[in-house]
Amino acid sequence: MKKVMFVCKKNSARSQMAEGFAKTIGKDRIEVVSSGLEASQVRPEAIAAMKDIGIDITDQHSKPLSDFKAEDFDVVISLCGCGVNLPPEWVTREVFQDWQLDDPAEQPEIFPRVRDEIKERVTQLVEMVGAEAVSP
């Protein structure tokens, strides 16, 4: 089973929503963790945006990337364009993508749009990397 790391600046909104979607969409197909270049706390707007579509992320918490080792992950996804700030071992994993999504923390009214963009991308990611986990 592929291990996926979603990383963002503060692990407070985009990466948390991605983790919630991946745990739901990729259940039994991928393992998922999210982290930030620095830890903070999960934004209530992110929790509310996910709750609106039936996904509960209230038990998720913000974690610093420094708590993890790059070699433990197959896939690394940056959600904020912070790929340039990641240590090199993180961007050289089997799959690395930098999605560069708008930051809803700056404009809370865009949380639903960003959430829906994340869902679409996570769905594609799970189909791509989770396919080999499914037996024929």
N, C-alpha and C. Protein backbone atom coordinates (compact mmCIF):
# COMPACT_ATOMS: atom_id res chain seq x y z
N MET A 1 0.85 -1.18 0.00
CA MET A 1 0.00 0.00 0.00
C MET A 1 0.90 1.25 0.00
N LYS A 2 0.61 2.17 -0.90
CA LYS A 2 1.40 3.40 -1.01
C LYS A 2 1.13 4.31 0.19
N LYS A 3 2.20 4.98 0.65
CA LYS A 3 2.07 5.95 1.74
C LYS A 3 2.17 7.35 1.15
N VAL A 4 1.18 8.18 1.47
CA VAL A 4 1.07 9.52 0.90
C VAL A 4 1.22 10.57 2.00
N MET A 5 2.05 11.60 1.72
CA MET A 5 2.21 12.74 2.62
C MET A 5 1.68 13.98 1.92
N PHE A 6 0.69 14.64 2.52
CA PHE A 6 0.24 15.94 2.05
C PHE A 6 0.92 16.98 2.93
N VAL A 7 1.58 17.95 2.30
CA VAL A 7 2.28 18.95 3.09
C VAL A 7 1.91 20.36 2.64
N CYS A 8 1.83 21.26 3.60
CA CYS A 8 1.47 22.65 3.36
C CYS A 8 2.31 23.51 4.31
N LYS A 9 2.10 24.80 4.27
CA LYS A 9 2.88 25.67 5.16
C LYS A 9 2.62 25.37 6.63
N LYS A 10 1.35 25.40 7.03
CA LYS A 10 1.03 25.27 8.45
C LYS A 10 0.17 24.06 8.79
N ASN A 11 -0.18 23.24 7.81
CA ASN A 11 -0.98 22.04 8.06
C ASN A 11 -2.27 22.40 8.81
N SER A 12 -2.93 23.47 8.33
CA SER A 12 -4.12 23.95 9.04
C SER A 12 -5.40 23.87 8.21
N ALA A 13 -5.29 23.84 6.87
CA ALA A 13 -6.51 23.85 6.05
C ALA A 13 -6.40 22.91 4.85
N ARG A 14 -5.65 23.32 3.81
CA ARG A 14 -5.61 22.53 2.56
C ARG A 14 -5.12 21.11 2.79
N SER A 15 -4.00 20.95 3.47
CA SER A 15 -3.45 19.60 3.68
C SER A 15 -4.35 18.77 4.60
N GLN A 16 -5.04 19.45 5.53
CA GLN A 16 -5.96 18.73 6.40
C GLN A 16 -7.18 18.23 5.62
N MET A 17 -7.70 19.08 4.72
CA MET A 17 -8.83 18.65 3.90
C MET A 17 -8.40 17.51 2.97
N ALA A 18 -7.19 17.61 2.41
CA ALA A 18 -6.68 16.55 1.54
C ALA A 18 -6.56 15.24 2.31
N GLU A 19 -6.07 15.31 3.53
CA GLU A 19 -5.95 14.10 4.35
C GLU A 19 -7.34 13.49 4.59
N GLY A 20 -8.32 14.34 4.89
CA GLY A 20 -9.68 13.85 5.11
C GLY A 20 -10.26 13.17 3.89
N PHE A 21 -10.07 13.80 2.72
CA PHE A 21 -10.57 13.19 1.48
C PHE A 21 -9.84 11.88 1.19
N ALA A 22 -8.52 11.88 1.32
CA ALA A 22 -7.74 10.69 0.98
C ALA A 22 -8.08 9.52 1.89
N LYS A 23 -8.32 9.81 3.17
CA LYS A 23 -8.70 8.72 4.09
C LYS A 23 -10.06 8.16 3.72
N THR A 24 -10.93 9.00 3.17
CA THR A 24 -12.27 8.56 2.79
C THR A 24 -12.25 7.88 1.42
N ILE A 25 -11.73 8.59 0.42
CA ILE A 25 -11.72 8.08 -0.96
C ILE A 25 -10.73 6.92 -1.12
N GLY A 26 -9.60 7.00 -0.43
CA GLY A 26 -8.55 6.00 -0.60
C GLY A 26 -8.53 4.93 0.47
N LYS A 27 -9.61 4.84 1.23
CA LYS A 27 -9.70 3.86 2.32
C LYS A 27 -9.32 2.47 1.82
N ASP A 28 -8.42 1.81 2.54
CA ASP A 28 -7.94 0.47 2.20
C ASP A 28 -7.10 0.43 0.92
N ARG A 29 -6.78 1.59 0.34
CA ARG A 29 -5.97 1.61 -0.88
C ARG A 29 -4.66 2.36 -0.71
N ILE A 30 -4.68 3.39 0.14
CA ILE A 30 -3.46 4.15 0.42
C ILE A 30 -3.43 4.49 1.91
N GLU A 31 -2.23 4.76 2.42
CA GLU A 31 -2.08 5.27 3.78
C GLU A 31 -1.77 6.75 3.65
N VAL A 32 -2.32 7.57 4.54
CA VAL A 32 -2.25 9.02 4.39
C VAL A 32 -1.87 9.72 5.69
N VAL A 33 -1.00 10.73 5.54
CA VAL A 33 -0.63 11.61 6.64
C VAL A 33 -0.54 13.01 6.05
N SER A 34 -0.79 14.03 6.89
CA SER A 34 -0.52 15.40 6.43
C SER A 34 0.37 16.07 7.46
N SER A 35 1.10 17.10 7.00
CA SER A 35 1.99 17.84 7.89
C SER A 35 2.21 19.23 7.32
N GLY A 36 2.93 20.04 8.08
CA GLY A 36 3.24 21.39 7.64
C GLY A 36 4.71 21.70 7.80
N LEU A 37 5.18 22.70 7.07
CA LEU A 37 6.56 23.15 7.27
C LEU A 37 6.71 23.57 8.73
N GLU A 38 5.61 24.06 9.30
CA GLU A 38 5.52 24.30 10.74
C GLU A 38 4.13 23.85 11.16
N ALA A 39 3.99 23.42 12.40
CA ALA A 39 2.68 22.98 12.88
C ALA A 39 1.90 24.18 13.41
N SER A 40 0.59 24.08 13.33
CA SER A 40 -0.27 25.13 13.89
C SER A 40 -1.49 24.42 14.46
N GLN A 41 -2.69 24.77 13.99
CA GLN A 41 -3.88 24.02 14.39
C GLN A 41 -4.86 24.00 13.22
N VAL A 42 -5.72 22.99 13.23
CA VAL A 42 -6.68 22.84 12.14
C VAL A 42 -7.70 23.98 12.23
N ARG A 43 -7.87 24.68 11.11
CA ARG A 43 -8.78 25.82 11.09
C ARG A 43 -10.23 25.36 11.19
N PRO A 44 -11.03 26.05 12.01
CA PRO A 44 -12.45 25.68 12.14
C PRO A 44 -13.19 25.74 10.80
N GLU A 45 -12.76 26.65 9.91
CA GLU A 45 -13.41 26.74 8.59
C GLU A 45 -13.16 25.47 7.77
N ALA A 46 -11.97 24.87 7.92
CA ALA A 46 -11.67 23.63 7.20
C ALA A 46 -12.56 22.50 7.74
N ILE A 47 -12.69 22.44 9.06
CA ILE A 47 -13.54 21.42 9.68
C ILE A 47 -14.98 21.60 9.20
N ALA A 48 -15.46 22.85 9.19
CA ALA A 48 -16.84 23.13 8.77
C ALA A 48 -17.06 22.81 7.30
N ALA A 49 -16.10 23.18 6.44
CA ALA A 49 -16.23 22.92 5.00
C ALA A 49 -16.32 21.42 4.72
N MET A 50 -15.55 20.62 5.46
CA MET A 50 -15.59 19.17 5.27
C MET A 50 -16.87 18.58 5.86
N LYS A 51 -17.29 19.12 6.99
CA LYS A 51 -18.52 18.63 7.64
C LYS A 51 -19.72 18.85 6.70
N ASP A 52 -19.70 19.96 5.94
CA ASP A 52 -20.78 20.28 5.00
C ASP A 52 -20.99 19.17 3.98
N ILE A 53 -19.95 18.39 3.69
CA ILE A 53 -20.09 17.30 2.72
C ILE A 53 -19.98 15.93 3.38
N GLY A 54 -20.11 15.91 4.70
CA GLY A 54 -20.19 14.63 5.40
C GLY A 54 -18.88 13.97 5.79
N ILE A 55 -17.77 14.74 5.80
CA ILE A 55 -16.49 14.17 6.23
C ILE A 55 -16.05 14.88 7.50
N ASP A 56 -15.79 14.09 8.54
CA ASP A 56 -15.43 14.64 9.85
C ASP A 56 -13.91 14.60 10.02
N ILE A 57 -13.29 15.78 10.12
CA ILE A 57 -11.83 15.84 10.34
C ILE A 57 -11.50 16.43 11.72
N THR A 58 -12.48 16.43 12.62
CA THR A 58 -12.25 17.03 13.94
C THR A 58 -11.15 16.32 14.73
N ASP A 59 -10.89 15.05 14.44
CA ASP A 59 -9.85 14.32 15.17
C ASP A 59 -8.45 14.51 14.59
N GLN A 60 -8.35 15.18 13.45
CA GLN A 60 -7.04 15.41 12.85
C GLN A 60 -6.36 16.57 13.57
N HIS A 61 -5.03 16.52 13.62
CA HIS A 61 -4.30 17.63 14.24
C HIS A 61 -3.07 17.98 13.40
N SER A 62 -2.60 19.19 13.58
CA SER A 62 -1.48 19.70 12.80
C SER A 62 -0.16 19.10 13.31
N LYS A 63 0.68 18.67 12.35
CA LYS A 63 1.94 18.03 12.68
C LYS A 63 3.07 18.66 11.85
N PRO A 64 4.26 18.85 12.43
CA PRO A 64 5.38 19.38 11.64
C PRO A 64 6.00 18.29 10.76
N LEU A 65 6.40 18.66 9.57
CA LEU A 65 7.05 17.74 8.64
C LEU A 65 8.29 17.10 9.29
N SER A 66 8.94 17.85 10.16
CA SER A 66 10.17 17.36 10.81
C SER A 66 9.92 16.11 11.68
N ASP A 67 8.65 15.81 11.98
CA ASP A 67 8.32 14.60 12.74
C ASP A 67 8.40 13.33 11.89
N PHE A 68 8.59 13.48 10.58
CA PHE A 68 8.52 12.35 9.65
C PHE A 68 9.82 12.19 8.86
N LYS A 69 10.01 10.99 8.28
CA LYS A 69 11.17 10.72 7.43
C LYS A 69 10.69 10.52 6.00
N ALA A 70 11.33 11.21 5.07
CA ALA A 70 10.93 11.15 3.66
C ALA A 70 10.90 9.71 3.14
N GLU A 71 11.87 8.91 3.55
CA GLU A 71 11.95 7.54 3.00
C GLU A 71 10.77 6.66 3.40
N ASP A 72 9.97 7.11 4.35
CA ASP A 72 8.78 6.35 4.74
C ASP A 72 7.59 6.57 3.80
N PHE A 73 7.74 7.48 2.83
CA PHE A 73 6.62 7.84 1.95
C PHE A 73 6.95 7.61 0.48
N ASP A 74 5.93 7.18 -0.28
CA ASP A 74 6.07 6.96 -1.72
C ASP A 74 5.65 8.19 -2.50
N VAL A 75 4.67 8.91 -1.96
CA VAL A 75 4.05 10.03 -2.66
C VAL A 75 4.07 11.25 -1.74
N VAL A 76 4.53 12.38 -2.28
CA VAL A 76 4.53 13.64 -1.53
C VAL A 76 3.79 14.67 -2.36
N ILE A 77 2.77 15.28 -1.76
CA ILE A 77 1.97 16.30 -2.44
C ILE A 77 2.06 17.59 -1.64
N SER A 78 2.56 18.65 -2.28
CA SER A 78 2.52 19.98 -1.68
C SER A 78 1.25 20.65 -2.18
N LEU A 79 0.53 21.29 -1.29
CA LEU A 79 -0.74 21.92 -1.69
C LEU A 79 -0.65 23.43 -1.81
N CYS A 80 0.53 24.00 -1.53
CA CYS A 80 0.59 25.46 -1.44
C CYS A 80 1.74 26.05 -2.23
N GLY A 81 2.38 25.25 -3.07
CA GLY A 81 3.54 25.78 -3.78
C GLY A 81 4.77 25.81 -2.90
N CYS A 82 4.73 25.11 -1.76
CA CYS A 82 5.86 25.14 -0.84
C CYS A 82 6.92 24.11 -1.19
N GLY A 83 6.74 23.43 -2.32
CA GLY A 83 7.72 22.44 -2.74
C GLY A 83 9.14 22.97 -2.77
N VAL A 84 9.29 24.23 -3.16
CA VAL A 84 10.63 24.83 -3.23
C VAL A 84 11.27 24.94 -1.84
N ASN A 85 10.45 24.92 -0.79
CA ASN A 85 10.97 25.02 0.57
C ASN A 85 11.18 23.68 1.26
N LEU A 86 10.83 22.60 0.57
CA LEU A 86 10.96 21.28 1.17
C LEU A 86 12.41 20.79 1.06
N PRO A 87 12.88 20.05 2.05
CA PRO A 87 14.20 19.44 1.93
C PRO A 87 14.22 18.52 0.69
N PRO A 88 15.36 18.44 0.00
CA PRO A 88 15.44 17.69 -1.27
C PRO A 88 14.94 16.26 -1.19
N GLU A 89 15.14 15.58 -0.05
CA GLU A 89 14.71 14.18 0.03
C GLU A 89 13.19 14.04 -0.09
N TRP A 90 12.44 15.09 0.18
CA TRP A 90 10.99 15.03 0.06
C TRP A 90 10.52 15.17 -1.39
N VAL A 91 11.23 15.95 -2.19
CA VAL A 91 10.78 16.18 -3.58
C VAL A 91 11.30 15.12 -4.55
N THR A 92 12.12 14.20 -4.04
CA THR A 92 12.66 13.15 -4.91
C THR A 92 12.01 11.79 -4.65
N ARG A 93 10.85 11.78 -4.01
CA ARG A 93 10.14 10.53 -3.79
C ARG A 93 9.61 10.01 -5.12
N GLU A 94 9.05 8.80 -5.12
CA GLU A 94 8.52 8.16 -6.33
C GLU A 94 7.57 9.10 -7.09
N VAL A 95 6.69 9.77 -6.35
CA VAL A 95 5.76 10.75 -6.95
C VAL A 95 5.85 12.02 -6.12
N PHE A 96 6.09 13.15 -6.77
CA PHE A 96 6.02 14.45 -6.11
C PHE A 96 5.20 15.38 -6.98
N GLN A 97 4.20 16.03 -6.38
CA GLN A 97 3.39 17.01 -7.10
C GLN A 97 3.24 18.25 -6.24
N ASP A 98 3.21 19.41 -6.88
CA ASP A 98 3.02 20.68 -6.18
C ASP A 98 1.75 21.29 -6.76
N TRP A 99 0.64 21.21 -6.01
CA TRP A 99 -0.66 21.59 -6.55
C TRP A 99 -0.93 23.09 -6.54
N GLN A 100 -0.25 23.86 -5.69
CA GLN A 100 -0.38 25.32 -5.67
C GLN A 100 -1.83 25.82 -5.64
N LEU A 101 -2.56 25.39 -4.65
CA LEU A 101 -3.95 25.80 -4.48
C LEU A 101 -4.03 27.11 -3.70
N ASP A 102 -5.06 27.89 -3.99
CA ASP A 102 -5.27 29.14 -3.26
C ASP A 102 -5.40 28.87 -1.76
N ASP A 103 -4.94 29.83 -0.95
CA ASP A 103 -5.00 29.67 0.50
C ASP A 103 -6.33 30.22 1.03
N PRO A 104 -7.23 29.34 1.48
CA PRO A 104 -8.52 29.82 1.97
C PRO A 104 -8.40 30.55 3.31
N ALA A 105 -7.29 30.38 4.01
CA ALA A 105 -7.12 31.07 5.29
C ALA A 105 -7.13 32.59 5.07
N GLU A 106 -6.66 33.01 3.88
CA GLU A 106 -6.62 34.43 3.56
C GLU A 106 -8.00 34.94 3.13
N GLN A 107 -8.83 34.05 2.61
CA GLN A 107 -10.16 34.42 2.11
C GLN A 107 -11.13 33.30 2.45
N PRO A 108 -11.66 33.31 3.67
CA PRO A 108 -12.51 32.19 4.12
C PRO A 108 -13.67 31.86 3.19
N GLU A 109 -14.13 32.81 2.40
CA GLU A 109 -15.27 32.55 1.51
C GLU A 109 -14.92 31.55 0.40
N ILE A 110 -13.62 31.32 0.16
CA ILE A 110 -13.26 30.37 -0.91
C ILE A 110 -13.06 28.95 -0.39
N PHE A 111 -13.27 28.71 0.91
CA PHE A 111 -13.10 27.35 1.45
C PHE A 111 -13.85 26.29 0.63
N PRO A 112 -15.16 26.50 0.30
CA PRO A 112 -15.87 25.46 -0.46
C PRO A 112 -15.24 25.19 -1.83
N ARG A 113 -14.80 26.24 -2.52
CA ARG A 113 -14.19 26.04 -3.85
C ARG A 113 -12.86 25.28 -3.73
N VAL A 114 -12.02 25.68 -2.78
CA VAL A 114 -10.73 25.01 -2.60
C VAL A 114 -10.96 23.57 -2.16
N ARG A 115 -11.93 23.35 -1.27
CA ARG A 115 -12.27 21.99 -0.83
C ARG A 115 -12.64 21.12 -2.03
N ASP A 116 -13.46 21.65 -2.94
CA ASP A 116 -13.89 20.88 -4.10
C ASP A 116 -12.74 20.60 -5.06
N GLU A 117 -11.81 21.57 -5.19
CA GLU A 117 -10.61 21.34 -6.03
C GLU A 117 -9.76 20.23 -5.42
N ILE A 118 -9.62 20.26 -4.10
CA ILE A 118 -8.82 19.23 -3.43
C ILE A 118 -9.46 17.86 -3.63
N LYS A 119 -10.79 17.79 -3.51
CA LYS A 119 -11.49 16.50 -3.69
C LYS A 119 -11.20 15.94 -5.07
N GLU A 120 -11.30 16.79 -6.10
CA GLU A 120 -11.07 16.35 -7.47
C GLU A 120 -9.64 15.81 -7.64
N ARG A 121 -8.66 16.55 -7.11
CA ARG A 121 -7.26 16.12 -7.25
C ARG A 121 -6.95 14.87 -6.44
N VAL A 122 -7.50 14.79 -5.23
CA VAL A 122 -7.27 13.60 -4.40
C VAL A 122 -7.89 12.38 -5.07
N THR A 123 -9.07 12.54 -5.65
CA THR A 123 -9.71 11.42 -6.36
C THR A 123 -8.80 10.92 -7.48
N GLN A 124 -8.23 11.84 -8.27
CA GLN A 124 -7.31 11.45 -9.35
C GLN A 124 -6.06 10.78 -8.79
N LEU A 125 -5.54 11.33 -7.69
CA LEU A 125 -4.34 10.77 -7.07
C LEU A 125 -4.59 9.34 -6.58
N VAL A 126 -5.71 9.13 -5.91
CA VAL A 126 -6.03 7.79 -5.40
C VAL A 126 -6.17 6.81 -6.56
N GLU A 127 -6.81 7.26 -7.65
CA GLU A 127 -6.92 6.37 -8.82
C GLU A 127 -5.56 6.03 -9.38
N MET A 128 -4.65 7.01 -9.37
CA MET A 128 -3.31 6.79 -9.93
C MET A 128 -2.46 5.87 -9.03
N VAL A 129 -2.34 6.21 -7.75
CA VAL A 129 -1.43 5.46 -6.89
C VAL A 129 -2.09 4.31 -6.16
N GLY A 130 -3.42 4.34 -6.03
CA GLY A 130 -4.10 3.29 -5.31
C GLY A 130 -4.48 2.11 -6.17
N ALA A 131 -4.32 2.25 -7.48
CA ALA A 131 -4.74 1.19 -8.40
C ALA A 131 -4.01 -0.12 -8.13
N GLU A 132 -2.70 -0.04 -7.84
CA GLU A 132 -1.94 -1.27 -7.64
C GLU A 132 -2.28 -1.97 -6.33
N ALA A 133 -2.94 -1.26 -5.40
CA ALA A 133 -3.32 -1.87 -4.14
C ALA A 133 -4.55 -2.74 -4.27
N VAL A 134 -5.27 -2.56 -5.37
CA VAL A 134 -6.50 -3.31 -5.58
C VAL A 134 -6.16 -4.61 -6.33
N SER A 135 -6.55 -5.72 -5.76
CA SER A 135 -6.23 -6.98 -6.42
C SER A 135 -7.10 -7.18 -7.65
N PRO A 136 -6.55 -7.86 -8.66
CA PRO A 136 -7.28 -8.03 -9.93
C PRO A 136 -8.54 -8.87 -9.79
